[in-house]
């Protein structure tokens, strides 16, 4: 009889749980990733049913950074908090949607500290554009019972990071500190994230020439950023412009296709706009472990690495210049022309 390849695949699917168990001997980390995956499945259902369930529109509140909260923001946040608190392995949670950190009660507390943006790009949800979830995981400091200080560290202390893109497929991209970047698609037939992308890396030749930036802010950019974007548009090998406005979607495309994503500091937002703990650091970790560069551009008087930044508050912001070496070098060359010391790539 012919072999049913689909059933054969399902019988031996490398699920996210199996992957984490095979790559770590930490039972608590397996539980944590299962809780994150469960909350992302719930968010998937909410996003897909948003129109039918009347989840479009504003919830009537603002989040920790002053953005208007959508109904789905609130629901997604509740889903993640409930899953993580009840996992029994978390001590501190930081969400974009909560002004204050969540300290898990001692009876249910564990060793992990998790920062997350439950629904990145939710301003796009009402017009059915891709949205996502971003998270970073830290471990409590030795002797700590779980405080905000356990999260106020640079990206070198981040144990693992990931994001989930909710689109035509639901895909989680995940990496351990110092490891490869892997992709997992949600298989609705078995209700599991299944390994689909092995060792994700930027295209070896730099890939497609794509720049991604909100040029509506260009009047506020510093001159080297303006010059770099002008080169992208009018150089000998002109770049295409692609900007979704959901960080997860723009970064995911940048890793797979090549190119560069820019959200620089400017004279309107000198500290940048993106949050360091649950946007900058996790995305920087993924970008760099996929072979790219995660820079701040000009920030507080110098060019810095996003991974090296130490947040001074849970909602601290940072600028971002992320992409392949070929494309980040274009930006660095413009800073160098302006007399700025730049790192060697």
C-alpha atoms as a PDB file:
ATOM      1  CA  UNK A   1       0.000   0.000   0.000  1.00  0.00           C
ATOM      2  CA  UNK A   2       1.283   3.542  -0.708  1.00  0.00           C
ATOM      3  CA  UNK A   3       2.459   5.451   2.335  1.00  0.00           C
ATOM      4  CA  UNK A   4       0.313   8.401   3.386  1.00  0.00           C
ATOM      5  CA  UNK A   5       3.061  11.013   3.651  1.00  0.00           C
ATOM      6  CA  UNK A   6       0.821  13.519   5.439  1.00  0.00           C
ATOM      7  CA  UNK A   7      -0.029  11.039   8.206  1.00  0.00           C
ATOM      8  CA  UNK A   8       3.609   9.978   8.374  1.00  0.00           C
ATOM      9  CA  UNK A   9       4.557  13.642   8.850  1.00  0.00           C
ATOM     10  CA  UNK A  10       1.961  14.200  11.559  1.00  0.00           C
ATOM     11  CA  UNK A  11       3.059  11.072  13.406  1.00  0.00           C
ATOM     12  CA  UNK A  12       6.611  12.406  13.750  1.00  0.00           C
ATOM     13  CA  UNK A  13       6.143  16.178  13.672  1.00  0.00           C
ATOM     14  CA  UNK A  14       8.927  18.143  15.344  1.00  0.00           C
ATOM     15  CA  UNK A  15       6.746  20.367  17.477  1.00  0.00           C
ATOM     16  CA  UNK A  16       7.938  23.387  19.414  1.00  0.00           C
ATOM     17  CA  UNK A  17       7.702  21.403  22.660  1.00  0.00           C
ATOM     18  CA  UNK A  18       9.833  18.595  21.260  1.00  0.00           C
ATOM     19  CA  UNK A  19      12.333  21.102  19.904  1.00  0.00           C
ATOM     20  CA  UNK A  20      12.719  22.888  23.248  1.00  0.00           C
ATOM     21  CA  UNK A  21      13.000  19.572  25.123  1.00  0.00           C
ATOM     22  CA  UNK A  22      15.664  18.344  22.684  1.00  0.00           C
ATOM     23  CA  UNK A  23      17.707  21.532  22.992  1.00  0.00           C
ATOM     24  CA  UNK A  24      17.546  22.146  26.721  1.00  0.00           C
ATOM     25  CA  UNK A  25      17.430  20.024  29.846  1.00  0.00           C
ATOM     26  CA  UNK A  26      15.467  22.746  31.622  1.00  0.00           C
ATOM     27  CA  UNK A  27      12.014  21.371  32.398  1.00  0.00           C
ATOM     28  CA  UNK A  28      10.791  24.809  33.491  1.00  0.00           C
ATOM     29  CA  UNK A  29      11.764  26.333  30.159  1.00  0.00           C
ATOM     30  CA  UNK A  30       9.697  23.681  28.361  1.00  0.00           C
ATOM     31  CA  UNK A  31       6.713  24.660  30.537  1.00  0.00           C
ATOM     32  CA  UNK A  32       7.325  28.353  29.836  1.00  0.00           C
ATOM     33  CA  UNK A  33       7.465  27.912  26.067  1.00  0.00           C
ATOM     34  CA  UNK A  34       4.356  25.764  26.198  1.00  0.00           C
ATOM     35  CA  UNK A  35       2.558  28.600  28.026  1.00  0.00           C
ATOM     36  CA  UNK A  36       3.721  31.152  25.448  1.00  0.00           C
ATOM     37  CA  UNK A  37       2.674  28.862  22.593  1.00  0.00           C
ATOM     38  CA  UNK A  38      -0.736  28.303  24.190  1.00  0.00           C
ATOM     39  CA  UNK A  39      -1.362  32.024  24.562  1.00  0.00           C
ATOM     40  CA  UNK A  40      -0.313  32.582  20.925  1.00  0.00           C
ATOM     41  CA  UNK A  41      -2.804  29.929  19.795  1.00  0.00           C
ATOM     42  CA  UNK A  42      -5.516  31.765  21.711  1.00  0.00           C
ATOM     43  CA  UNK A  43      -4.461  35.060  20.157  1.00  0.00           C
ATOM     44  CA  UNK A  44      -4.542  33.390  16.728  1.00  0.00           C
ATOM     45  CA  UNK A  45      -8.160  32.416  17.300  1.00  0.00           C
ATOM     46  CA  UNK A  46      -9.062  35.922  18.487  1.00  0.00           C
ATOM     47  CA  UNK A  47      -7.341  37.594  15.510  1.00  0.00           C
ATOM     48  CA  UNK A  48      -8.981  35.265  13.003  1.00  0.00           C
ATOM     49  CA  UNK A  49     -12.428  35.786  14.554  1.00  0.00           C
ATOM     50  CA  UNK A  50     -12.014  39.515  15.238  1.00  0.00           C
ATOM     51  CA  UNK A  51     -14.638  40.617  12.722  1.00  0.00           C
ATOM     52  CA  UNK A  52     -17.202  37.974  13.611  1.00  0.00           C
ATOM     53  CA  UNK A  53     -16.685  38.450  17.363  1.00  0.00           C
ATOM     54  CA  UNK A  54     -16.832  42.270  17.005  1.00  0.00           C
ATOM     55  CA  UNK A  55     -13.302  42.724  18.367  1.00  0.00           C
ATOM     56  CA  UNK A  56     -12.391  45.563  16.020  1.00  0.00           C
ATOM     57  CA  UNK A  57     -12.117  49.085  17.387  1.00  0.00           C
ATOM     58  CA  UNK A  58     -10.794  50.803  20.487  1.00  0.00           C
ATOM     59  CA  UNK A  59     -11.151  49.612  24.046  1.00  0.00           C
ATOM     60  CA  UNK A  60     -11.325  53.207  25.305  1.00  0.00           C
ATOM     61  CA  UNK A  61      -7.996  53.186  27.155  1.00  0.00           C
ATOM     62  CA  UNK A  62      -4.324  53.884  26.467  1.00  0.00           C
ATOM     63  CA  UNK A  63      -1.383  51.573  27.175  1.00  0.00           C
ATOM     64  CA  UNK A  64       1.870  52.174  29.055  1.00  0.00           C
ATOM     65  CA  UNK A  65       3.369  54.219  26.232  1.00  0.00           C
ATOM     66  CA  UNK A  66       0.301  56.346  25.539  1.00  0.00           C
ATOM     67  CA  UNK A  67      -1.004  54.447  22.499  1.00  0.00           C
ATOM     68  CA  UNK A  68      -4.738  53.881  22.179  1.00  0.00           C
ATOM     69  CA  UNK A  69      -5.595  50.306  23.142  1.00  0.00           C
ATOM     70  CA  UNK A  70      -7.607  48.173  20.744  1.00  0.00           C
ATOM     71  CA  UNK A  71     -10.040  45.575  22.049  1.00  0.00           C
ATOM     72  CA  UNK A  72      -7.704  42.883  20.744  1.00  0.00           C
ATOM     73  CA  UNK A  73      -4.763  44.480  22.591  1.00  0.00           C
ATOM     74  CA  UNK A  74      -6.574  44.027  25.887  1.00  0.00           C
ATOM     75  CA  UNK A  75      -7.753  40.500  25.098  1.00  0.00           C
ATOM     76  CA  UNK A  76      -4.324  39.359  23.863  1.00  0.00           C
ATOM     77  CA  UNK A  77      -2.657  40.850  26.921  1.00  0.00           C
ATOM     78  CA  UNK A  78      -5.046  39.046  29.272  1.00  0.00           C
ATOM     79  CA  UNK A  79      -4.413  35.766  27.445  1.00  0.00           C
ATOM     80  CA  UNK A  80      -0.648  36.039  27.792  1.00  0.00           C
ATOM     81  CA  UNK A  81      -0.723  37.155  31.420  1.00  0.00           C
ATOM     82  CA  UNK A  82      -3.091  34.347  32.433  1.00  0.00           C
ATOM     83  CA  UNK A  83      -1.025  31.695  30.653  1.00  0.00           C
ATOM     84  CA  UNK A  84       2.284  32.907  32.086  1.00  0.00           C
ATOM     85  CA  UNK A  85       1.096  33.479  35.663  1.00  0.00           C
ATOM     86  CA  UNK A  86      -0.580  30.061  35.763  1.00  0.00           C
ATOM     87  CA  UNK A  87       2.458  28.307  34.279  1.00  0.00           C
ATOM     88  CA  UNK A  88       4.095  28.394  37.719  1.00  0.00           C
ATOM     89  CA  UNK A  89       7.536  29.191  36.267  1.00  0.00           C
ATOM     90  CA  UNK A  90       7.407  33.010  36.038  1.00  0.00           C
ATOM     91  CA  UNK A  91       8.380  35.592  38.651  1.00  0.00           C
ATOM     92  CA  UNK A  92       8.017  38.916  36.824  1.00  0.00           C
ATOM     93  CA  UNK A  93       6.060  39.903  33.715  1.00  0.00           C
ATOM     94  CA  UNK A  94       6.362  43.128  31.743  1.00  0.00           C
ATOM     95  CA  UNK A  95       3.819  43.922  29.032  1.00  0.00           C
ATOM     96  CA  UNK A  96       3.535  46.880  26.700  1.00  0.00           C
ATOM     97  CA  UNK A  97      -0.089  47.121  27.797  1.00  0.00           C
ATOM     98  CA  UNK A  98       0.643  47.468  31.531  1.00  0.00           C
ATOM     99  CA  UNK A  99       2.261  50.542  32.994  1.00  0.00           C
ATOM    100  CA  UNK A 100       3.580  48.601  35.979  1.00  0.00           C
ATOM    101  CA  UNK A 101       5.323  45.196  36.082  1.00  0.00           C
ATOM    102  CA  UNK A 102       3.360  42.166  37.223  1.00  0.00           C
ATOM    103  CA  UNK A 103       4.971  40.394  40.174  1.00  0.00           C
ATOM    104  CA  UNK A 104       3.729  36.806  40.382  1.00  0.00           C
ATOM    105  CA  UNK A 105       2.590  35.829  43.928  1.00  0.00           C
ATOM    106  CA  UNK A 106       5.091  33.594  45.806  1.00  0.00           C
ATOM    107  CA  UNK A 107       2.867  30.511  45.710  1.00  0.00           C
ATOM    108  CA  UNK A 108       2.863  30.509  41.899  1.00  0.00           C
ATOM    109  CA  UNK A 109       6.235  32.140  41.271  1.00  0.00           C
ATOM    110  CA  UNK A 110       9.083  30.596  39.279  1.00  0.00           C
ATOM    111  CA  UNK A 111      12.500  31.594  37.992  1.00  0.00           C
ATOM    112  CA  UNK A 112      11.722  33.323  34.684  1.00  0.00           C
ATOM    113  CA  UNK A 113      11.078  36.968  33.897  1.00  0.00           C
ATOM    114  CA  UNK A 114       9.251  37.592  30.626  1.00  0.00           C
ATOM    115  CA  UNK A 115       8.797  40.842  28.694  1.00  0.00           C
ATOM    116  CA  UNK A 116       6.302  40.865  25.822  1.00  0.00           C
ATOM    117  CA  UNK A 117       4.311  42.904  23.354  1.00  0.00           C
ATOM    118  CA  UNK A 118       1.137  40.819  23.088  1.00  0.00           C
ATOM    119  CA  UNK A 119      -0.092  42.322  19.822  1.00  0.00           C
ATOM    120  CA  UNK A 120       2.511  44.317  17.919  1.00  0.00           C
ATOM    121  CA  UNK A 121       1.113  46.412  15.070  1.00  0.00           C
ATOM    122  CA  UNK A 122      -2.430  46.309  16.405  1.00  0.00           C
ATOM    123  CA  UNK A 123      -3.180  49.700  14.839  1.00  0.00           C
ATOM    124  CA  UNK A 124      -3.369  47.686  11.611  1.00  0.00           C
ATOM    125  CA  UNK A 125      -5.835  45.090  12.900  1.00  0.00           C
ATOM    126  CA  UNK A 126      -9.020  46.818  11.732  1.00  0.00           C
ATOM    127  CA  UNK A 127      -7.813  46.734   8.105  1.00  0.00           C
ATOM    128  CA  UNK A 128      -6.673  43.098   8.324  1.00  0.00           C
ATOM    129  CA  UNK A 129      -2.919  43.713   8.062  1.00  0.00           C
ATOM    130  CA  UNK A 130      -0.407  41.341   9.677  1.00  0.00           C
ATOM    131  CA  UNK A 131       0.161  41.692  13.412  1.00  0.00           C
ATOM    132  CA  UNK A 132       2.401  39.806  15.826  1.00  0.00           C
ATOM    133  CA  UNK A 133       3.616  38.935  19.314  1.00  0.00           C
ATOM    134  CA  UNK A 134       7.185  39.565  20.537  1.00  0.00           C
ATOM    135  CA  UNK A 135       8.788  38.203  23.702  1.00  0.00           C
ATOM    136  CA  UNK A 136      12.093  37.968  25.555  1.00  0.00           C
ATOM    137  CA  UNK A 137      12.934  35.692  28.486  1.00  0.00           C
ATOM    138  CA  UNK A 138      15.334  36.326  31.363  1.00  0.00           C
ATOM    139  CA  UNK A 139      16.152  34.353  34.500  1.00  0.00           C
ATOM    140  CA  UNK A 140      16.034  35.828  37.993  1.00  0.00           C
ATOM    141  CA  UNK A 141      19.368  36.962  39.377  1.00  0.00           C
ATOM    142  CA  UNK A 142      20.879  34.626  41.999  1.00  0.00           C
ATOM    143  CA  UNK A 143      19.265  35.336  45.359  1.00  0.00           C
ATOM    144  CA  UNK A 144      16.445  37.413  43.898  1.00  0.00           C
ATOM    145  CA  UNK A 145      12.811  36.589  44.593  1.00  0.00           C
ATOM    146  CA  UNK A 146      11.771  38.310  41.395  1.00  0.00           C
ATOM    147  CA  UNK A 147      11.983  42.093  40.967  1.00  0.00           C
ATOM    148  CA  UNK A 148      12.026  44.548  38.099  1.00  0.00           C
ATOM    149  CA  UNK A 149      15.829  44.661  38.410  1.00  0.00           C
ATOM    150  CA  UNK A 150      15.942  41.104  37.055  1.00  0.00           C
ATOM    151  CA  UNK A 151      14.750  42.491  33.707  1.00  0.00           C
ATOM    152  CA  UNK A 152      16.724  45.732  33.606  1.00  0.00           C
ATOM    153  CA  UNK A 153      19.745  44.116  31.952  1.00  0.00           C
ATOM    154  CA  UNK A 154      21.223  44.167  28.494  1.00  0.00           C
ATOM    155  CA  UNK A 155      20.494  41.597  25.830  1.00  0.00           C
ATOM    156  CA  UNK A 156      23.508  39.522  26.830  1.00  0.00           C
ATOM    157  CA  UNK A 157      21.432  38.236  29.754  1.00  0.00           C
ATOM    158  CA  UNK A 158      18.451  37.246  27.577  1.00  0.00           C
ATOM    159  CA  UNK A 159      17.969  33.456  27.588  1.00  0.00           C
ATOM    160  CA  UNK A 160      15.756  33.213  24.529  1.00  0.00           C
ATOM    161  CA  UNK A 161      13.560  35.375  22.348  1.00  0.00           C
ATOM    162  CA  UNK A 162      10.960  35.044  19.671  1.00  0.00           C
ATOM    163  CA  UNK A 163       8.097  36.525  17.737  1.00  0.00           C
ATOM    164  CA  UNK A 164       4.891  35.205  16.211  1.00  0.00           C
ATOM    165  CA  UNK A 165       3.454  36.559  12.953  1.00  0.00           C
ATOM    166  CA  UNK A 166      -0.314  36.250  12.478  1.00  0.00           C
ATOM    167  CA  UNK A 167      -0.966  36.305   8.741  1.00  0.00           C
ATOM    168  CA  UNK A 168      -1.831  33.871   5.929  1.00  0.00           C
ATOM    169  CA  UNK A 169       0.093  31.419   8.119  1.00  0.00           C
ATOM    170  CA  UNK A 170       0.847  31.729  11.824  1.00  0.00           C
ATOM    171  CA  UNK A 171       4.586  31.441  12.295  1.00  0.00           C
ATOM    172  CA  UNK A 172       6.804  31.587  15.373  1.00  0.00           C
ATOM    173  CA  UNK A 173      10.480  32.467  14.985  1.00  0.00           C
ATOM    174  CA  UNK A 174      12.501  31.485  18.034  1.00  0.00           C
ATOM    175  CA  UNK A 175      16.099  31.327  19.220  1.00  0.00           C
ATOM    176  CA  UNK A 176      18.081  30.427  22.324  1.00  0.00           C
ATOM    177  CA  UNK A 177      20.962  32.674  23.409  1.00  0.00           C
ATOM    178  CA  UNK A 178      23.936  31.863  21.195  1.00  0.00           C
ATOM    179  CA  UNK A 179      21.920  29.449  19.061  1.00  0.00           C
ATOM    180  CA  UNK A 180      20.439  29.242  15.599  1.00  0.00           C
ATOM    181  CA  UNK A 181      17.157  30.855  14.591  1.00  0.00           C
ATOM    182  CA  UNK A 182      14.308  28.461  13.829  1.00  0.00           C
ATOM    183  CA  UNK A 183      10.791  28.847  12.430  1.00  0.00           C
ATOM    184  CA  UNK A 184       7.631  26.998  13.487  1.00  0.00           C
ATOM    185  CA  UNK A 185       4.265  27.152  11.707  1.00  0.00           C
ATOM    186  CA  UNK A 186       1.015  26.564  13.548  1.00  0.00           C
ATOM    187  CA  UNK A 187      -0.574  23.425  12.086  1.00  0.00           C
ATOM    188  CA  UNK A 188      -4.281  23.838  12.767  1.00  0.00           C
ATOM    189  CA  UNK A 189      -4.925  20.134  12.093  1.00  0.00           C
ATOM    190  CA  UNK A 190      -2.960  19.104  15.188  1.00  0.00           C
ATOM    191  CA  UNK A 191      -2.987  22.393  17.107  1.00  0.00           C
ATOM    192  CA  UNK A 192       0.796  22.569  17.400  1.00  0.00           C
ATOM    193  CA  UNK A 193       3.638  24.782  16.217  1.00  0.00           C
ATOM    194  CA  UNK A 194       5.647  22.533  13.883  1.00  0.00           C
ATOM    195  CA  UNK A 195       9.276  23.092  12.888  1.00  0.00           C
ATOM    196  CA  UNK A 196       9.394  24.404   9.312  1.00  0.00           C
ATOM    197  CA  UNK A 197      12.497  26.606   9.010  1.00  0.00           C
ATOM    198  CA  UNK A 198      15.891  25.286  10.072  1.00  0.00           C
ATOM    199  CA  UNK A 199      18.732  27.689  10.894  1.00  0.00           C
ATOM    200  CA  UNK A 200      17.252  30.855   9.407  1.00  0.00           C
ATOM    201  CA  UNK A 201      19.943  33.219   8.120  1.00  0.00           C
ATOM    202  CA  UNK A 202      20.129  36.330   5.986  1.00  0.00           C
ATOM    203  CA  UNK A 203      20.742  35.561   2.289  1.00  0.00           C
ATOM    204  CA  UNK A 204      24.470  35.042   1.756  1.00  0.00           C
ATOM    205  CA  UNK A 205      24.695  37.630  -1.039  1.00  0.00           C
ATOM    206  CA  UNK A 206      22.639  40.163   0.926  1.00  0.00           C
ATOM    207  CA  UNK A 207      19.418  39.130  -0.783  1.00  0.00           C
ATOM    208  CA  UNK A 208      16.876  41.560  -2.129  1.00  0.00           C
ATOM    209  CA  UNK A 209      17.588  45.259  -1.923  1.00  0.00           C
ATOM    210  CA  UNK A 210      14.704  46.443   0.235  1.00  0.00           C
ATOM    211  CA  UNK A 211      14.546  49.313   2.698  1.00  0.00           C
ATOM    212  CA  UNK A 212      11.738  49.587   5.222  1.00  0.00           C
ATOM    213  CA  UNK A 213      11.083  52.860   7.041  1.00  0.00           C
ATOM    214  CA  UNK A 214       8.294  55.274   7.842  1.00  0.00           C
ATOM    215  CA  UNK A 215       9.365  58.086   5.540  1.00  0.00           C
ATOM    216  CA  UNK A 216       6.617  60.256   6.984  1.00  0.00           C
ATOM    217  CA  UNK A 217       9.142  60.911   9.766  1.00  0.00           C
ATOM    218  CA  UNK A 218      12.020  61.748   7.400  1.00  0.00           C
ATOM    219  CA  UNK A 219      11.841  65.499   8.050  1.00  0.00           C
ATOM    220  CA  UNK A 220      12.931  64.750  11.641  1.00  0.00           C
ATOM    221  CA  UNK A 221      15.819  62.361  10.793  1.00  0.00           C
ATOM    222  CA  UNK A 222      19.490  63.275  11.099  1.00  0.00           C
ATOM    223  CA  UNK A 223      21.329  63.992   7.849  1.00  0.00           C
ATOM    224  CA  UNK A 224      23.237  60.657   7.574  1.00  0.00           C
ATOM    225  CA  UNK A 225      19.944  58.705   7.764  1.00  0.00           C
ATOM    226  CA  UNK A 226      18.408  60.993   5.130  1.00  0.00           C
ATOM    227  CA  UNK A 227      21.478  60.497   2.922  1.00  0.00           C
ATOM    228  CA  UNK A 228      21.409  56.713   3.359  1.00  0.00           C
ATOM    229  CA  UNK A 229      17.732  56.467   2.405  1.00  0.00           C
ATOM    230  CA  UNK A 230      18.354  58.738  -0.582  1.00  0.00           C
ATOM    231  CA  UNK A 231      21.107  56.332  -1.687  1.00  0.00           C
ATOM    232  CA  UNK A 232      18.736  53.403  -1.258  1.00  0.00           C
ATOM    233  CA  UNK A 233      16.246  55.132  -3.554  1.00  0.00           C
ATOM    234  CA  UNK A 234      18.548  56.543  -6.218  1.00  0.00           C
ATOM    235  CA  UNK A 235      21.758  54.539  -6.151  1.00  0.00           C
ATOM    236  CA  UNK A 236      23.139  52.508  -9.011  1.00  0.00           C
ATOM    237  CA  UNK A 237      21.200  49.526  -7.695  1.00  0.00           C
ATOM    238  CA  UNK A 238      18.041  51.143  -6.375  1.00  0.00           C
ATOM    239  CA  UNK A 239      16.188  49.502  -3.501  1.00  0.00           C
ATOM    240  CA  UNK A 240      12.485  48.757  -3.333  1.00  0.00           C
ATOM    241  CA  UNK A 241      10.503  50.325  -0.473  1.00  0.00           C
ATOM    242  CA  UNK A 242       8.415  47.993   1.693  1.00  0.00           C
ATOM    243  CA  UNK A 243       6.874  49.198   4.948  1.00  0.00           C
ATOM    244  CA  UNK A 244       4.041  47.287   6.637  1.00  0.00           C
ATOM    245  CA  UNK A 245       3.983  49.215   9.907  1.00  0.00           C
ATOM    246  CA  UNK A 246       3.941  46.021  11.997  1.00  0.00           C
ATOM    247  CA  UNK A 247       7.464  45.433  13.280  1.00  0.00           C
ATOM    248  CA  UNK A 248       7.051  41.651  13.263  1.00  0.00           C
ATOM    249  CA  UNK A 249       6.027  41.614   9.595  1.00  0.00           C
ATOM    250  CA  UNK A 250       8.790  43.997   8.514  1.00  0.00           C
ATOM    251  CA  UNK A 251      11.528  42.172  10.444  1.00  0.00           C
ATOM    252  CA  UNK A 252      10.319  38.734   9.278  1.00  0.00           C
ATOM    253  CA  UNK A 253      10.506  39.823   5.642  1.00  0.00           C
ATOM    254  CA  UNK A 254      13.915  41.431   6.203  1.00  0.00           C
ATOM    255  CA  UNK A 255      15.412  38.192   7.561  1.00  0.00           C
ATOM    256  CA  UNK A 256      13.951  36.013   4.824  1.00  0.00           C
ATOM    257  CA  UNK A 257      14.470  38.294   1.819  1.00  0.00           C
ATOM    258  CA  UNK A 258      17.313  40.556   2.910  1.00  0.00           C
ATOM    259  CA  UNK A 259      17.389  44.342   3.213  1.00  0.00           C
ATOM    260  CA  UNK A 260      17.155  46.774   6.109  1.00  0.00           C
ATOM    261  CA  UNK A 261      14.568  48.021   8.614  1.00  0.00           C
ATOM    262  CA  UNK A 262      14.989  51.514  10.034  1.00  0.00           C
ATOM    263  CA  UNK A 263      13.238  53.242  12.919  1.00  0.00           C
ATOM    264  CA  UNK A 264      15.926  55.771  13.859  1.00  0.00           C
ATOM    265  CA  UNK A 265      16.054  58.332  16.622  1.00  0.00           C
ATOM    266  CA  UNK A 266      15.186  61.831  15.431  1.00  0.00           C
ATOM    267  CA  UNK A 267      14.693  65.324  16.771  1.00  0.00           C
ATOM    268  CA  UNK A 268      11.068  64.501  17.582  1.00  0.00           C
ATOM    269  CA  UNK A 269      11.866  61.225  19.383  1.00  0.00           C
ATOM    270  CA  UNK A 270      15.539  61.434  20.444  1.00  0.00           C
ATOM    271  CA  UNK A 271      15.325  58.118  22.315  1.00  0.00           C
ATOM    272  CA  UNK A 272      13.538  56.364  19.456  1.00  0.00           C
ATOM    273  CA  UNK A 273      10.025  54.947  19.486  1.00  0.00           C
ATOM    274  CA  UNK A 274      10.396  51.193  19.935  1.00  0.00           C
ATOM    275  CA  UNK A 275      10.566  49.604  23.383  1.00  0.00           C
ATOM    276  CA  UNK A 276      13.858  48.012  24.320  1.00  0.00           C
ATOM    277  CA  UNK A 277      12.770  45.076  26.508  1.00  0.00           C
ATOM    278  CA  UNK A 278      10.057  43.604  24.330  1.00  0.00           C
ATOM    279  CA  UNK A 279      10.861  44.921  20.859  1.00  0.00           C
ATOM    280  CA  UNK A 280      14.486  46.041  20.532  1.00  0.00           C
ATOM    281  CA  UNK A 281      16.357  43.353  22.472  1.00  0.00           C
ATOM    282  CA  UNK A 282      14.411  40.256  21.313  1.00  0.00           C
ATOM    283  CA  UNK A 283      14.487  41.375  17.673  1.00  0.00           C
ATOM    284  CA  UNK A 284      18.186  42.272  17.942  1.00  0.00           C
ATOM    285  CA  UNK A 285      18.972  38.826  19.342  1.00  0.00           C
ATOM    286  CA  UNK A 286      17.118  37.140  16.481  1.00  0.00           C
ATOM    287  CA  UNK A 287      18.613  39.416  13.804  1.00  0.00           C
ATOM    288  CA  UNK A 288      22.203  38.956  15.003  1.00  0.00           C
ATOM    289  CA  UNK A 289      21.901  35.189  15.429  1.00  0.00           C
ATOM    290  CA  UNK A 290      20.550  35.061  11.878  1.00  0.00           C
ATOM    291  CA  UNK A 291      23.738  36.767  10.693  1.00  0.00           C
ATOM    292  CA  UNK A 292      22.500  40.361  10.557  1.00  0.00           C
ATOM    293  CA  UNK A 293      23.321  43.603  12.375  1.00  0.00           C
ATOM    294  CA  UNK A 294      21.173  45.228  15.059  1.00  0.00           C
ATOM    295  CA  UNK A 295      22.349  48.802  15.567  1.00  0.00           C
ATOM    296  CA  UNK A 296      20.844  51.871  17.184  1.00  0.00           C
ATOM    297  CA  UNK A 297      22.255  54.223  14.589  1.00  0.00           C
ATOM    298  CA  UNK A 298      23.168  57.518  16.257  1.00  0.00           C
ATOM    299  CA  UNK A 299      21.902  57.291  19.841  1.00  0.00           C
ATOM    300  CA  UNK A 300      23.010  59.399  22.804  1.00  0.00           C
ATOM    301  CA  UNK A 301      26.017  60.692  20.917  1.00  0.00           C
ATOM    302  CA  UNK A 302      27.357  57.484  19.405  1.00  0.00           C
ATOM    303  CA  UNK A 303      26.592  54.405  17.309  1.00  0.00           C
ATOM    304  CA  UNK A 304      25.629  51.528  19.610  1.00  0.00           C
ATOM    305  CA  UNK A 305      24.568  47.899  19.531  1.00  0.00           C
ATOM    306  CA  UNK A 306      20.964  47.290  20.595  1.00  0.00           C
ATOM    307  CA  UNK A 307      22.032  44.156  22.483  1.00  0.00           C
ATOM    308  CA  UNK A 308      24.426  46.196  24.647  1.00  0.00           C
ATOM    309  CA  UNK A 309      21.826  48.725  25.804  1.00  0.00           C
ATOM    310  CA  UNK A 310      20.734  48.534  29.445  1.00  0.00           C
ATOM    311  CA  UNK A 311      17.123  49.674  29.959  1.00  0.00           C
ATOM    312  CA  UNK A 312      16.690  52.178  32.769  1.00  0.00           C
ATOM    313  CA  UNK A 313      12.956  51.486  32.972  1.00  0.00           C
ATOM    314  CA  UNK A 314      10.683  48.658  31.848  1.00  0.00           C
ATOM    315  CA  UNK A 315       9.286  50.728  28.981  1.00  0.00           C
ATOM    316  CA  UNK A 316      12.596  52.308  27.948  1.00  0.00           C
ATOM    317  CA  UNK A 317      12.808  53.090  24.238  1.00  0.00           C
ATOM    318  CA  UNK A 318      15.529  52.734  21.646  1.00  0.00           C
ATOM    319  CA  UNK A 319      16.121  53.511  17.953  1.00  0.00           C
ATOM    320  CA  UNK A 320      16.659  50.634  15.554  1.00  0.00           C
ATOM    321  CA  UNK A 321      18.666  50.040  12.381  1.00  0.00           C
ATOM    322  CA  UNK A 322      18.420  46.304  11.653  1.00  0.00           C
ATOM    323  CA  UNK A 323      19.306  44.309   8.580  1.00  0.00           C
ATOM    324  CA  UNK A 324      21.965  42.536   6.582  1.00  0.00           C
ATOM    325  CA  UNK A 325      25.614  43.664   6.745  1.00  0.00           C
ATOM    326  CA  UNK A 326      25.586  44.957   3.157  1.00  0.00           C
ATOM    327  CA  UNK A 327      22.697  47.288   3.849  1.00  0.00           C
ATOM    328  CA  UNK A 328      23.633  48.464   7.354  1.00  0.00           C
ATOM    329  CA  UNK A 329      27.062  49.327   5.937  1.00  0.00           C
ATOM    330  CA  UNK A 330      25.380  51.879   3.640  1.00  0.00           C
ATOM    331  CA  UNK A 331      24.041  53.666   6.732  1.00  0.00           C
ATOM    332  CA  UNK A 332      27.376  53.421   8.554  1.00  0.00           C
ATOM    333  CA  UNK A 333      29.184  54.887   5.521  1.00  0.00           C
ATOM    334  CA  UNK A 334      27.009  57.993   5.698  1.00  0.00           C
ATOM    335  CA  UNK A 335      27.752  58.433   9.403  1.00  0.00           C
ATOM    336  CA  UNK A 336      31.451  57.961   8.691  1.00  0.00           C
ATOM    337  CA  UNK A 337      31.303  60.711   6.045  1.00  0.00           C
ATOM    338  CA  UNK A 338      29.784  62.947   8.719  1.00  0.00           C
ATOM    339  CA  UNK A 339      32.804  62.321  10.973  1.00  0.00           C
ATOM    340  CA  UNK A 340      31.163  59.782  13.300  1.00  0.00           C
ATOM    341  CA  UNK A 341      33.111  56.760  14.571  1.00  0.00           C
ATOM    342  CA  UNK A 342      31.372  53.620  13.322  1.00  0.00           C
ATOM    343  CA  UNK A 343      31.910  49.936  14.159  1.00  0.00           C
ATOM    344  CA  UNK A 344      33.596  47.659  11.662  1.00  0.00           C
ATOM    345  CA  UNK A 345      31.162  45.099  10.261  1.00  0.00           C
END
